[in-house]
Amino acid sequence: MAPAANPASPPGAPPNRKNPFQDPEAMAAMGLERTKNKTGFMYLRIGESATHWLNSLPHSSSPLLDLGAAYGVHTLHAMKAGRDVIAVDMEQAHIDDLRVRADDYAKSVVVQDNTGPGKLVRATVATLPDPSVCAEESVAGVLLSEVIHFMRPGQPQVVFSDIFRWLEPGGRLVVTTAASQGPKVAEFVNKAGFKLNGERNVEEAIDMISTASGPELVKAAPTFLELPQDSPMRKFVCGVLYLMSTKEVETMAKEAGFKVERCRYVTTGKYPDKTIKGETVLLVAKKPDPAKRDRNIRTAAAVAVAAASSLAVYHLAR
């Protein structure tokens, strides 16, 4: 899920200029749909990350895990490809919507040759980090799309460690998150009302509310969780967005035990300013498979022994 831009102005603030993120038609043209909790938007197009996710242990009977599933665009795509999926999102309304969409899709499929679509194994509400989402070594692949930039420092590392435990050996983790590179990205994020890589305190929030509007992100910083639910400050609090470099994301994956296959900047076109390039970090990493490694070592040793024997026979023959 990608970050949303500034919504309606708070009471007494000057009106915002037209925002494409508030126009459903403009968002649809960009391939986006606002999430129900208004903290961001869901991509309606399937990108490169989904391909890597679907190719996770293709012969495994274990399901794939879609973290931050929102309306289930990736979940349904995986089901259509014949994969079973566990979908997780922090918003109950998203999970309810996803269940309806998955049920409608399952009913619409014509079964041929005794094969059918993948199943929605489970759709669960959870806020990461949450170690209870899955059992150990129970999923073949994990997609963590546009989620970790909403987390506080230290939380992504916990989530990566949890995912490592949940994955089968050889399973794949695919991550996309907002990138820190480029002044235009920082400029857009700041205009949207987010504070980069830090938490707003109450004084900053009061100043922000009195001068400009921020996104409807009401649970970004811990200090605001103590405010009453009906507090105007809580309703118009400015969120915190953590932008990361490829090096930071790759380091987190390696520290959790993953073998990184690729980690690079990609362009998804998620910002209205189409001159912004490489605004997303794409990580593809695997959980090492000790059994496969041991088999490879034994095979390599056997080949070496065979080669040495052949060489010895050759020399004796001479």
C-alpha atoms as a PDB file:
ATOM      1  CA  MET A   1       0.000   0.000   0.000  1.00  0.00           C
ATOM      2  CA  ALA A   2       1.453   3.355  -0.998  1.00  0.00           C
ATOM      3  CA  PRO A   3       1.163   6.604   0.982  1.00  0.00           C
ATOM      4  CA  ALA A   4      -1.818   8.846   0.419  1.00  0.00           C
ATOM      5  CA  ALA A   5      -1.542  12.572  -0.169  1.00  0.00           C
ATOM      6  CA  ASN A   6      -3.224  15.386   1.729  1.00  0.00           C
ATOM      7  CA  PRO A   7      -7.025  15.111   2.111  1.00  0.00           C
ATOM      8  CA  ALA A   8      -9.533  17.778   3.095  1.00  0.00           C
ATOM      9  CA  SER A   9      -8.189  20.718   5.115  1.00  0.00           C
ATOM     10  CA  PRO A  10      -8.828  20.868   8.877  1.00  0.00           C
ATOM     11  CA  PRO A  11     -11.169  23.545  10.244  1.00  0.00           C
ATOM     12  CA  GLY A  12      -9.748  27.033   9.744  1.00  0.00           C
ATOM     13  CA  ALA A  13      -7.040  25.943   7.317  1.00  0.00           C
ATOM     14  CA  PRO A  14      -6.834  27.335   3.776  1.00  0.00           C
ATOM     15  CA  PRO A  15      -8.436  25.076   1.149  1.00  0.00           C
ATOM     16  CA  ASN A  16      -6.168  22.697  -0.716  1.00  0.00           C
ATOM     17  CA  ARG A  17      -5.571  22.959  -4.406  1.00  0.00           C
ATOM     18  CA  LYS A  18      -7.033  20.097  -6.437  1.00  0.00           C
ATOM     19  CA  ASN A  19      -5.409  16.862  -5.394  1.00  0.00           C
ATOM     20  CA  PRO A  20      -5.433  13.894  -7.825  1.00  0.00           C
ATOM     21  CA  PHE A  21      -5.533  11.514  -4.861  1.00  0.00           C
ATOM     22  CA  GLN A  22      -8.984  12.891  -3.970  1.00  0.00           C
ATOM     23  CA  ASP A  23     -10.372  12.324  -7.484  1.00  0.00           C
ATOM     24  CA  PRO A  24     -11.479   8.689  -8.036  1.00  0.00           C
ATOM     25  CA  GLU A  25     -11.306   9.065 -11.824  1.00  0.00           C
ATOM     26  CA  ALA A  26      -7.798  10.538 -11.688  1.00  0.00           C
ATOM     27  CA  MET A  27      -6.692   7.759  -9.363  1.00  0.00           C
ATOM     28  CA  ALA A  28      -8.201   5.085 -11.608  1.00  0.00           C
ATOM     29  CA  ALA A  29      -6.276   6.593 -14.528  1.00  0.00           C
ATOM     30  CA  MET A  30      -3.096   6.167 -12.469  1.00  0.00           C
ATOM     31  CA  GLY A  31      -4.063   2.562 -11.665  1.00  0.00           C
ATOM     32  CA  LEU A  32      -4.787   3.332  -8.002  1.00  0.00           C
ATOM     33  CA  GLU A  33      -7.667   3.050  -5.544  1.00  0.00           C
ATOM     34  CA  ARG A  34      -7.850   4.741  -2.135  1.00  0.00           C
ATOM     35  CA  THR A  35      -7.831   2.438   0.860  1.00  0.00           C
ATOM     36  CA  LYS A  36     -10.794   2.553   3.209  1.00  0.00           C
ATOM     37  CA  ASN A  37      -8.714   3.812   6.131  1.00  0.00           C
ATOM     38  CA  LYS A  38      -7.383   6.621   3.859  1.00  0.00           C
ATOM     39  CA  THR A  39      -3.769   6.055   4.862  1.00  0.00           C
ATOM     40  CA  GLY A  40      -2.765   5.219   1.311  1.00  0.00           C
ATOM     41  CA  PHE A  41      -3.841   3.570  -1.916  1.00  0.00           C
ATOM     42  CA  MET A  42      -3.818   0.162  -3.548  1.00  0.00           C
ATOM     43  CA  TYR A  43      -2.229  -0.583  -6.906  1.00  0.00           C
ATOM     44  CA  LEU A  44      -4.702  -2.044  -9.373  1.00  0.00           C
ATOM     45  CA  ARG A  45      -1.955  -3.159 -11.755  1.00  0.00           C
ATOM     46  CA  ILE A  46       0.184  -6.244 -11.274  1.00  0.00           C
ATOM     47  CA  GLY A  47       3.887  -5.476 -11.347  1.00  0.00           C
ATOM     48  CA  GLU A  48       7.244  -7.237 -11.293  1.00  0.00           C
ATOM     49  CA  SER A  49       7.003  -7.969  -7.580  1.00  0.00           C
ATOM     50  CA  ALA A  50       3.990 -10.231  -8.100  1.00  0.00           C
ATOM     51  CA  THR A  51       5.892 -12.364 -10.615  1.00  0.00           C
ATOM     52  CA  HIS A  52       8.724 -13.020  -8.156  1.00  0.00           C
ATOM     53  CA  TRP A  53       6.158 -13.810  -5.436  1.00  0.00           C
ATOM     54  CA  LEU A  54       4.210 -16.267  -7.608  1.00  0.00           C
ATOM     55  CA  ASN A  55       7.420 -18.097  -8.502  1.00  0.00           C
ATOM     56  CA  SER A  56       8.132 -18.875  -4.842  1.00  0.00           C
ATOM     57  CA  LEU A  57       8.566 -22.667  -4.474  1.00  0.00           C
ATOM     58  CA  PRO A  58       6.160 -23.424  -7.360  1.00  0.00           C
ATOM     59  CA  HIS A  59       5.904 -27.132  -6.453  1.00  0.00           C
ATOM     60  CA  SER A  60       5.140 -26.504  -2.779  1.00  0.00           C
ATOM     61  CA  SER A  61       1.642 -27.183  -1.477  1.00  0.00           C
ATOM     62  CA  SER A  62       2.031 -24.424   1.128  1.00  0.00           C
ATOM     63  CA  PRO A  63       0.152 -21.158   0.555  1.00  0.00           C
ATOM     64  CA  LEU A  64       1.575 -17.765  -0.320  1.00  0.00           C
ATOM     65  CA  LEU A  65       1.260 -14.912   2.183  1.00  0.00           C
ATOM     66  CA  ASP A  66       0.078 -11.446   1.128  1.00  0.00           C
ATOM     67  CA  LEU A  67       0.938  -8.926   3.873  1.00  0.00           C
ATOM     68  CA  GLY A  68      -0.831  -5.585   3.512  1.00  0.00           C
ATOM     69  CA  ALA A  69      -3.276  -7.161   1.084  1.00  0.00           C
ATOM     70  CA  ALA A  70      -5.803  -4.260   1.082  1.00  0.00           C
ATOM     71  CA  TYR A  71      -8.515  -5.120  -1.491  1.00  0.00           C
ATOM     72  CA  GLY A  72      -6.670  -8.260  -2.563  1.00  0.00           C
ATOM     73  CA  VAL A  73      -5.413  -7.366  -6.029  1.00  0.00           C
ATOM     74  CA  HIS A  74      -2.328  -9.542  -5.590  1.00  0.00           C
ATOM     75  CA  THR A  75      -4.240 -12.207  -3.673  1.00  0.00           C
ATOM     76  CA  LEU A  76      -6.743 -12.682  -6.508  1.00  0.00           C
ATOM     77  CA  HIS A  77      -3.936 -12.673  -9.066  1.00  0.00           C
ATOM     78  CA  ALA A  78      -2.225 -15.506  -7.202  1.00  0.00           C
ATOM     79  CA  MET A  79      -5.497 -17.446  -6.913  1.00  0.00           C
ATOM     80  CA  LYS A  80      -6.006 -17.135 -10.665  1.00  0.00           C
ATOM     81  CA  ALA A  81      -2.531 -18.594 -11.111  1.00  0.00           C
ATOM     82  CA  GLY A  82      -3.572 -21.591  -9.010  1.00  0.00           C
ATOM     83  CA  ARG A  83      -1.828 -20.654  -5.759  1.00  0.00           C
ATOM     84  CA  ASP A  84      -3.468 -20.803  -2.329  1.00  0.00           C
ATOM     85  CA  VAL A  85      -3.138 -17.549  -0.391  1.00  0.00           C
ATOM     86  CA  ILE A  86      -3.288 -16.203   3.150  1.00  0.00           C
ATOM     87  CA  ALA A  87      -4.186 -12.504   3.097  1.00  0.00           C
ATOM     88  CA  VAL A  88      -3.432 -10.132   5.975  1.00  0.00           C
ATOM     89  CA  ASP A  89      -4.350  -6.469   6.386  1.00  0.00           C
ATOM     90  CA  MET A  90      -4.716  -4.077   9.315  1.00  0.00           C
ATOM     91  CA  GLU A  91      -8.155  -2.883   8.156  1.00  0.00           C
ATOM     92  CA  GLN A  92     -11.238  -5.054   8.790  1.00  0.00           C
ATOM     93  CA  ALA A  93     -13.132  -3.363   5.941  1.00  0.00           C
ATOM     94  CA  HIS A  94     -10.406  -4.411   3.497  1.00  0.00           C
ATOM     95  CA  ILE A  95     -10.548  -8.020   4.682  1.00  0.00           C
ATOM     96  CA  ASP A  96     -14.343  -8.076   4.385  1.00  0.00           C
ATOM     97  CA  ASP A  97     -14.130  -6.696   0.853  1.00  0.00           C
ATOM     98  CA  LEU A  98     -11.392  -9.166  -0.076  1.00  0.00           C
ATOM     99  CA  ARG A  99     -13.435 -12.138   1.127  1.00  0.00           C
ATOM    100  CA  VAL A 100     -16.362 -11.083  -1.057  1.00  0.00           C
ATOM    101  CA  ARG A 101     -14.124 -10.609  -4.102  1.00  0.00           C
ATOM    102  CA  ALA A 102     -12.417 -13.965  -3.562  1.00  0.00           C
ATOM    103  CA  ASP A 103     -15.762 -15.732  -3.155  1.00  0.00           C
ATOM    104  CA  ASP A 104     -17.162 -14.116  -6.298  1.00  0.00           C
ATOM    105  CA  TYR A 105     -14.077 -15.111  -8.247  1.00  0.00           C
ATOM    106  CA  ALA A 106     -14.202 -18.729  -7.024  1.00  0.00           C
ATOM    107  CA  LYS A 107     -17.850 -18.997  -8.099  1.00  0.00           C
ATOM    108  CA  SER A 108     -17.108 -17.577 -11.555  1.00  0.00           C
ATOM    109  CA  VAL A 109     -14.365 -20.048 -12.459  1.00  0.00           C
ATOM    110  CA  VAL A 110     -15.170 -22.989 -14.705  1.00  0.00           C
ATOM    111  CA  VAL A 111     -13.217 -26.027 -13.523  1.00  0.00           C
ATOM    112  CA  GLN A 112     -11.437 -27.908 -16.306  1.00  0.00           C
ATOM    113  CA  ASP A 113      -9.447 -31.141 -16.144  1.00  0.00           C
ATOM    114  CA  ASN A 114     -10.137 -31.430 -12.417  1.00  0.00           C
ATOM    115  CA  THR A 115      -8.080 -28.309 -11.762  1.00  0.00           C
ATOM    116  CA  GLY A 116      -9.393 -25.132 -10.262  1.00  0.00           C
ATOM    117  CA  PRO A 117      -8.209 -21.811  -8.902  1.00  0.00           C
ATOM    118  CA  GLY A 118      -6.188 -21.383  -5.784  1.00  0.00           C
ATOM    119  CA  LYS A 119      -8.051 -20.900  -2.520  1.00  0.00           C
ATOM    120  CA  LEU A 120      -8.194 -18.044  -0.077  1.00  0.00           C
ATOM    121  CA  VAL A 121      -6.994 -20.130   2.843  1.00  0.00           C
ATOM    122  CA  ARG A 122      -7.450 -17.365   5.393  1.00  0.00           C
ATOM    123  CA  ALA A 123      -8.064 -13.625   5.479  1.00  0.00           C
ATOM    124  CA  THR A 124      -6.898 -12.085   8.736  1.00  0.00           C
ATOM    125  CA  VAL A 125      -6.797  -8.683  10.396  1.00  0.00           C
ATOM    126  CA  ALA A 126      -3.423  -7.965  11.992  1.00  0.00           C
ATOM    127  CA  THR A 127      -1.108  -5.032  12.591  1.00  0.00           C
ATOM    128  CA  LEU A 128       2.549  -5.771  11.986  1.00  0.00           C
ATOM    129  CA  PRO A 129       4.747  -6.689  13.676  1.00  0.00           C
ATOM    130  CA  ASP A 130       2.715  -9.655  14.889  1.00  0.00           C
ATOM    131  CA  PRO A 131       4.563 -12.970  15.332  1.00  0.00           C
ATOM    132  CA  SER A 132       1.281 -14.930  15.503  1.00  0.00           C
ATOM    133  CA  VAL A 133       0.266 -14.297  11.869  1.00  0.00           C
ATOM    134  CA  CYS A 134       1.645 -17.651  10.660  1.00  0.00           C
ATOM    135  CA  ALA A 135       3.165 -20.830  11.993  1.00  0.00           C
ATOM    136  CA  GLU A 136       6.847 -21.605  11.521  1.00  0.00           C
ATOM    137  CA  GLU A 137       7.797 -22.764   8.004  1.00  0.00           C
ATOM    138  CA  SER A 138       4.167 -22.712   6.849  1.00  0.00           C
ATOM    139  CA  VAL A 139       4.238 -20.482   3.733  1.00  0.00           C
ATOM    140  CA  ALA A 140       6.063 -20.743   0.412  1.00  0.00           C
ATOM    141  CA  GLY A 141       6.415 -17.051  -0.347  1.00  0.00           C
ATOM    142  CA  VAL A 142       5.671 -13.672   1.222  1.00  0.00           C
ATOM    143  CA  LEU A 143       4.734 -10.409  -0.468  1.00  0.00           C
ATOM    144  CA  LEU A 144       5.254  -7.300   1.675  1.00  0.00           C
ATOM    145  CA  SER A 145       4.124  -4.547  -0.673  1.00  0.00           C
ATOM    146  CA  GLU A 146       4.171  -0.856   0.318  1.00  0.00           C
ATOM    147  CA  VAL A 147       3.947  -1.555   4.054  1.00  0.00           C
ATOM    148  CA  ILE A 148       7.233  -1.002   5.878  1.00  0.00           C
ATOM    149  CA  HIS A 149       7.490   2.721   5.077  1.00  0.00           C
ATOM    150  CA  PHE A 150       4.573   3.212   7.497  1.00  0.00           C
ATOM    151  CA  MET A 151       6.466   1.533  10.342  1.00  0.00           C
ATOM    152  CA  ARG A 152       8.546   3.059  13.102  1.00  0.00           C
ATOM    153  CA  PRO A 153      12.318   2.452  13.347  1.00  0.00           C
ATOM    154  CA  GLY A 154      13.105  -1.081  14.439  1.00  0.00           C
ATOM    155  CA  GLN A 155       9.757  -2.545  13.364  1.00  0.00           C
ATOM    156  CA  PRO A 156      10.763  -3.635   9.822  1.00  0.00           C
ATOM    157  CA  GLN A 157      13.635  -5.662  11.268  1.00  0.00           C
ATOM    158  CA  VAL A 158      11.197  -7.509  13.553  1.00  0.00           C
ATOM    159  CA  VAL A 159       8.840  -8.190  10.642  1.00  0.00           C
ATOM    160  CA  PHE A 160      11.691  -9.524   8.473  1.00  0.00           C
ATOM    161  CA  SER A 161      12.702 -11.912  11.271  1.00  0.00           C
ATOM    162  CA  ASP A 162       9.094 -13.095  11.668  1.00  0.00           C
ATOM    163  CA  ILE A 163       8.790 -13.689   7.925  1.00  0.00           C
ATOM    164  CA  PHE A 164      12.033 -15.678   7.951  1.00  0.00           C
ATOM    165  CA  ARG A 165      10.504 -18.015  10.535  1.00  0.00           C
ATOM    166  CA  TRP A 166       7.211 -18.329   8.635  1.00  0.00           C
ATOM    167  CA  LEU A 167       8.830 -19.242   5.312  1.00  0.00           C
ATOM    168  CA  GLU A 168       9.677 -22.756   4.243  1.00  0.00           C
ATOM    169  CA  PRO A 169      13.367 -23.302   3.482  1.00  0.00           C
ATOM    170  CA  GLY A 170      13.890 -22.003  -0.044  1.00  0.00           C
ATOM    171  CA  GLY A 171      10.851 -19.724   0.217  1.00  0.00           C
ATOM    172  CA  ARG A 172      10.973 -16.203  -1.130  1.00  0.00           C
ATOM    173  CA  LEU A 173      10.364 -12.772   0.384  1.00  0.00           C
ATOM    174  CA  VAL A 174       9.396  -9.957  -2.013  1.00  0.00           C
ATOM    175  CA  VAL A 175       9.307  -6.385  -0.688  1.00  0.00           C
ATOM    176  CA  THR A 176       8.427  -3.057  -2.250  1.00  0.00           C
ATOM    177  CA  THR A 177       8.721   0.155  -0.264  1.00  0.00           C
ATOM    178  CA  ALA A 178       9.080   3.894  -0.821  1.00  0.00           C
ATOM    179  CA  ALA A 179      12.654   4.846  -1.696  1.00  0.00           C
ATOM    180  CA  SER A 180      14.695   7.608  -0.158  1.00  0.00           C
ATOM    181  CA  GLN A 181      16.544   8.603  -3.306  1.00  0.00           C
ATOM    182  CA  GLY A 182      15.855  11.747  -5.285  1.00  0.00           C
ATOM    183  CA  PRO A 183      14.916  15.273  -4.180  1.00  0.00           C
ATOM    184  CA  LYS A 184      11.576  15.096  -5.995  1.00  0.00           C
ATOM    185  CA  VAL A 185      10.452  12.184  -3.843  1.00  0.00           C
ATOM    186  CA  ALA A 186      11.275  14.119  -0.671  1.00  0.00           C
ATOM    187  CA  GLU A 187       9.536  17.210  -2.044  1.00  0.00           C
ATOM    188  CA  PHE A 188       6.361  15.264  -2.822  1.00  0.00           C
ATOM    189  CA  VAL A 189       6.340  13.517   0.552  1.00  0.00           C
ATOM    190  CA  ASN A 190       6.798  16.795   2.409  1.00  0.00           C
ATOM    191  CA  LYS A 191       4.002  18.473   0.451  1.00  0.00           C
ATOM    192  CA  ALA A 192       1.768  15.511   1.245  1.00  0.00           C
ATOM    193  CA  GLY A 193       2.235  16.324   4.925  1.00  0.00           C
ATOM    194  CA  PHE A 194       4.546  13.504   5.937  1.00  0.00           C
ATOM    195  CA  LYS A 195       7.627  13.936   8.065  1.00  0.00           C
ATOM    196  CA  LEU A 196      10.582  11.973   6.763  1.00  0.00           C
ATOM    197  CA  ASN A 197      12.267   9.437   9.010  1.00  0.00           C
ATOM    198  CA  GLY A 198      11.131  10.862  12.336  1.00  0.00           C
ATOM    199  CA  GLU A 199       8.156  11.291  14.609  1.00  0.00           C
ATOM    200  CA  ARG A 200       6.206  14.515  14.985  1.00  0.00           C
ATOM    201  CA  ASN A 201       5.751  15.724  18.522  1.00  0.00           C
ATOM    202  CA  VAL A 202       2.660  17.510  19.797  1.00  0.00           C
ATOM    203  CA  GLU A 203       4.106  20.996  19.192  1.00  0.00           C
ATOM    204  CA  GLU A 204       4.850  20.144  15.568  1.00  0.00           C
ATOM    205  CA  ALA A 205       1.346  18.752  15.118  1.00  0.00           C
ATOM    206  CA  ILE A 206      -0.272  21.874  16.549  1.00  0.00           C
ATOM    207  CA  ASP A 207       1.820  24.057  14.259  1.00  0.00           C
ATOM    208  CA  MET A 208       1.026  21.879  11.247  1.00  0.00           C
ATOM    209  CA  ILE A 209      -2.705  21.847  11.971  1.00  0.00           C
ATOM    210  CA  SER A 210      -2.788  25.624  12.309  1.00  0.00           C
ATOM    211  CA  THR A 211      -1.032  26.260   9.000  1.00  0.00           C
ATOM    212  CA  ALA A 212      -1.771  23.438   6.560  1.00  0.00           C
ATOM    213  CA  SER A 213      -3.533  20.117   6.215  1.00  0.00           C
ATOM    214  CA  GLY A 214      -2.005  16.717   6.573  1.00  0.00           C
ATOM    215  CA  PRO A 215      -3.090  13.204   5.595  1.00  0.00           C
ATOM    216  CA  GLU A 216      -5.773  11.294   7.438  1.00  0.00           C
ATOM    217  CA  LEU A 217      -3.249   9.086   9.131  1.00  0.00           C
ATOM    218  CA  VAL A 218      -4.365   8.969  12.730  1.00  0.00           C
ATOM    219  CA  LYS A 219      -2.070   6.341  14.199  1.00  0.00           C
ATOM    220  CA  ALA A 220       1.378   7.230  12.937  1.00  0.00           C
ATOM    221  CA  ALA A 221       3.252   8.376  16.028  1.00  0.00           C
ATOM    222  CA  PRO A 222       2.974   6.839  19.534  1.00  0.00           C
ATOM    223  CA  THR A 223       2.391  10.207  21.199  1.00  0.00           C
ATOM    224  CA  PHE A 224      -0.928  10.589  19.394  1.00  0.00           C
ATOM    225  CA  LEU A 225      -2.275   7.237  20.532  1.00  0.00           C
ATOM    226  CA  GLU A 226      -2.878   8.803  23.951  1.00  0.00           C
ATOM    227  CA  LEU A 227      -5.177  11.474  22.508  1.00  0.00           C
ATOM    228  CA  PRO A 228      -8.975  11.026  22.673  1.00  0.00           C
ATOM    229  CA  GLN A 229     -10.527   9.452  19.585  1.00  0.00           C
ATOM    230  CA  ASP A 230     -12.598  12.603  18.927  1.00  0.00           C
ATOM    231  CA  SER A 231      -9.607  14.940  19.260  1.00  0.00           C
ATOM    232  CA  PRO A 232      -9.283  17.297  16.235  1.00  0.00           C
ATOM    233  CA  MET A 233      -5.513  16.921  16.538  1.00  0.00           C
ATOM    234  CA  ARG A 234      -5.808  13.154  16.252  1.00  0.00           C
ATOM    235  CA  LYS A 235      -8.137  13.456  13.259  1.00  0.00           C
ATOM    236  CA  PHE A 236      -5.729  15.700  11.365  1.00  0.00           C
ATOM    237  CA  VAL A 237      -2.408  14.451  12.690  1.00  0.00           C
ATOM    238  CA  CYS A 238       0.441  14.379  10.231  1.00  0.00           C
ATOM    239  CA  GLY A 239       1.922  10.985   9.490  1.00  0.00           C
ATOM    240  CA  VAL A 240       5.451   9.685   9.508  1.00  0.00           C
ATOM    241  CA  LEU A 241       6.891   8.075   6.398  1.00  0.00           C
ATOM    242  CA  TYR A 242      10.188   6.191   6.507  1.00  0.00           C
ATOM    243  CA  LEU A 243      11.924   6.232   3.147  1.00  0.00           C
ATOM    244  CA  MET A 244      14.719   3.693   2.711  1.00  0.00           C
ATOM    245  CA  SER A 245      17.643   3.094   0.400  1.00  0.00           C
ATOM    246  CA  THR A 246      18.387  -0.196  -1.315  1.00  0.00           C
ATOM    247  CA  LYS A 247      21.348  -0.623   1.024  1.00  0.00           C
ATOM    248  CA  GLU A 248      19.172  -0.254   4.129  1.00  0.00           C
ATOM    249  CA  VAL A 249      16.559  -2.749   2.908  1.00  0.00           C
ATOM    250  CA  GLU A 250      19.187  -5.232   1.742  1.00  0.00           C
ATOM    251  CA  THR A 251      21.008  -5.005   5.077  1.00  0.00           C
ATOM    252  CA  MET A 252      17.801  -5.703   7.010  1.00  0.00           C
ATOM    253  CA  ALA A 253      17.120  -8.787   4.878  1.00  0.00           C
ATOM    254  CA  LYS A 254      20.638 -10.161   5.327  1.00  0.00           C
ATOM    255  CA  GLU A 255      20.584  -9.565   9.077  1.00  0.00           C
ATOM    256  CA  ALA A 256      17.328 -11.566   9.274  1.00  0.00           C
ATOM    257  CA  GLY A 257      19.096 -14.493   7.546  1.00  0.00           C
ATOM    258  CA  PHE A 258      17.942 -14.070   3.941  1.00  0.00           C
ATOM    259  CA  LYS A 259      20.060 -14.526   0.852  1.00  0.00           C
ATOM    260  CA  VAL A 260      19.374 -11.460  -1.304  1.00  0.00           C
ATOM    261  CA  GLU A 261      18.760 -12.251  -4.971  1.00  0.00           C
ATOM    262  CA  ARG A 262      18.226  -8.651  -6.035  1.00  0.00           C
ATOM    263  CA  CYS A 263      17.632  -5.258  -4.471  1.00  0.00           C
ATOM    264  CA  ARG A 264      17.262  -2.237  -6.735  1.00  0.00           C
ATOM    265  CA  TYR A 265      15.306   0.919  -7.441  1.00  0.00           C
ATOM    266  CA  VAL A 266      12.310   0.536  -9.748  1.00  0.00           C
ATOM    267  CA  THR A 267       9.835   2.984 -11.265  1.00  0.00           C
ATOM    268  CA  THR A 268       6.170   2.192 -10.620  1.00  0.00           C
ATOM    269  CA  GLY A 269       4.624   5.540 -11.531  1.00  0.00           C
ATOM    270  CA  LYS A 270       2.852   5.871  -8.195  1.00  0.00           C
ATOM    271  CA  TYR A 271       3.390   9.640  -7.981  1.00  0.00           C
ATOM    272  CA  PRO A 272       1.437  12.167 -10.059  1.00  0.00           C
ATOM    273  CA  ASP A 273       4.739  13.715 -11.158  1.00  0.00           C
ATOM    274  CA  LYS A 274       5.818  11.252 -13.841  1.00  0.00           C
ATOM    275  CA  THR A 275       9.339  12.691 -13.958  1.00  0.00           C
ATOM    276  CA  ILE A 276      10.013  10.923 -10.641  1.00  0.00           C
ATOM    277  CA  LYS A 277      11.986   7.768 -11.412  1.00  0.00           C
ATOM    278  CA  GLY A 278      13.206   4.917  -9.234  1.00  0.00           C
ATOM    279  CA  GLU A 279      10.880   5.897  -6.396  1.00  0.00           C
ATOM    280  CA  THR A 280      10.460   2.345  -5.090  1.00  0.00           C
ATOM    281  CA  VAL A 281      12.853  -0.215  -3.624  1.00  0.00           C
ATOM    282  CA  LEU A 282      12.299  -3.788  -4.849  1.00  0.00           C
ATOM    283  CA  LEU A 283      13.824  -6.585  -2.777  1.00  0.00           C
ATOM    284  CA  VAL A 284      13.754 -10.269  -3.723  1.00  0.00           C
ATOM    285  CA  ALA A 285      15.346 -12.606  -1.181  1.00  0.00           C
ATOM    286  CA  LYS A 286      15.294 -16.306  -0.331  1.00  0.00           C
ATOM    287  CA  LYS A 287      15.418 -18.229   2.900  1.00  0.00           C
ATOM    288  CA  PRO A 288      18.388 -20.600   2.562  1.00  0.00           C
ATOM    289  CA  ASP A 289      17.588 -24.295   2.286  1.00  0.00           C
ATOM    290  CA  PRO A 290      20.201 -26.231   4.328  1.00  0.00           C
ATOM    291  CA  ALA A 291      19.055 -29.569   2.913  1.00  0.00           C
ATOM    292  CA  LYS A 292      19.492 -28.346  -0.656  1.00  0.00           C
ATOM    293  CA  ARG A 293      22.877 -26.878   0.223  1.00  0.00           C
ATOM    294  CA  ASP A 294      23.987 -30.208   1.714  1.00  0.00           C
ATOM    295  CA  ARG A 295      22.768 -32.052  -1.401  1.00  0.00           C
ATOM    296  CA  ASN A 296      24.728 -29.649  -3.592  1.00  0.00           C
ATOM    297  CA  ILE A 297      27.844 -30.144  -1.476  1.00  0.00           C
ATOM    298  CA  ARG A 298      27.514 -33.938  -1.684  1.00  0.00           C
ATOM    299  CA  THR A 299      26.950 -33.732  -5.426  1.00  0.00           C
ATOM    300  CA  ALA A 300      29.947 -31.483  -5.918  1.00  0.00           C
ATOM    301  CA  ALA A 301      32.074 -33.831  -3.792  1.00  0.00           C
ATOM    302  CA  ALA A 302      30.921 -36.849  -5.793  1.00  0.00           C
ATOM    303  CA  VAL A 303      31.731 -35.079  -9.054  1.00  0.00           C
ATOM    304  CA  ALA A 304      35.187 -34.171  -7.734  1.00  0.00           C
ATOM    305  CA  VAL A 305      35.845 -37.764  -6.657  1.00  0.00           C
ATOM    306  CA  ALA A 306      34.697 -39.092 -10.021  1.00  0.00           C
ATOM    307  CA  ALA A 307      36.897 -36.600 -11.839  1.00  0.00           C
ATOM    308  CA  ALA A 308      39.909 -37.538  -9.697  1.00  0.00           C
ATOM    309  CA  SER A 309      39.282 -41.250 -10.317  1.00  0.00           C
ATOM    310  CA  SER A 310      39.043 -40.702 -14.050  1.00  0.00           C
ATOM    311  CA  LEU A 311      42.270 -38.726 -13.997  1.00  0.00           C
ATOM    312  CA  ALA A 312      44.016 -41.493 -12.011  1.00  0.00           C
ATOM    313  CA  VAL A 313      42.820 -44.162 -14.458  1.00  0.00           C
ATOM    314  CA  TYR A 314      44.027 -41.995 -17.358  1.00  0.00           C
ATOM    315  CA  HIS A 315      47.507 -41.687 -15.842  1.00  0.00           C
ATOM    316  CA  LEU A 316      47.673 -45.469 -15.146  1.00  0.00           C
ATOM    317  CA  ALA A 317      46.649 -46.166 -18.711  1.00  0.00           C
ATOM    318  CA  ARG A 318      49.528 -44.082 -19.954  1.00  0.00           C
END
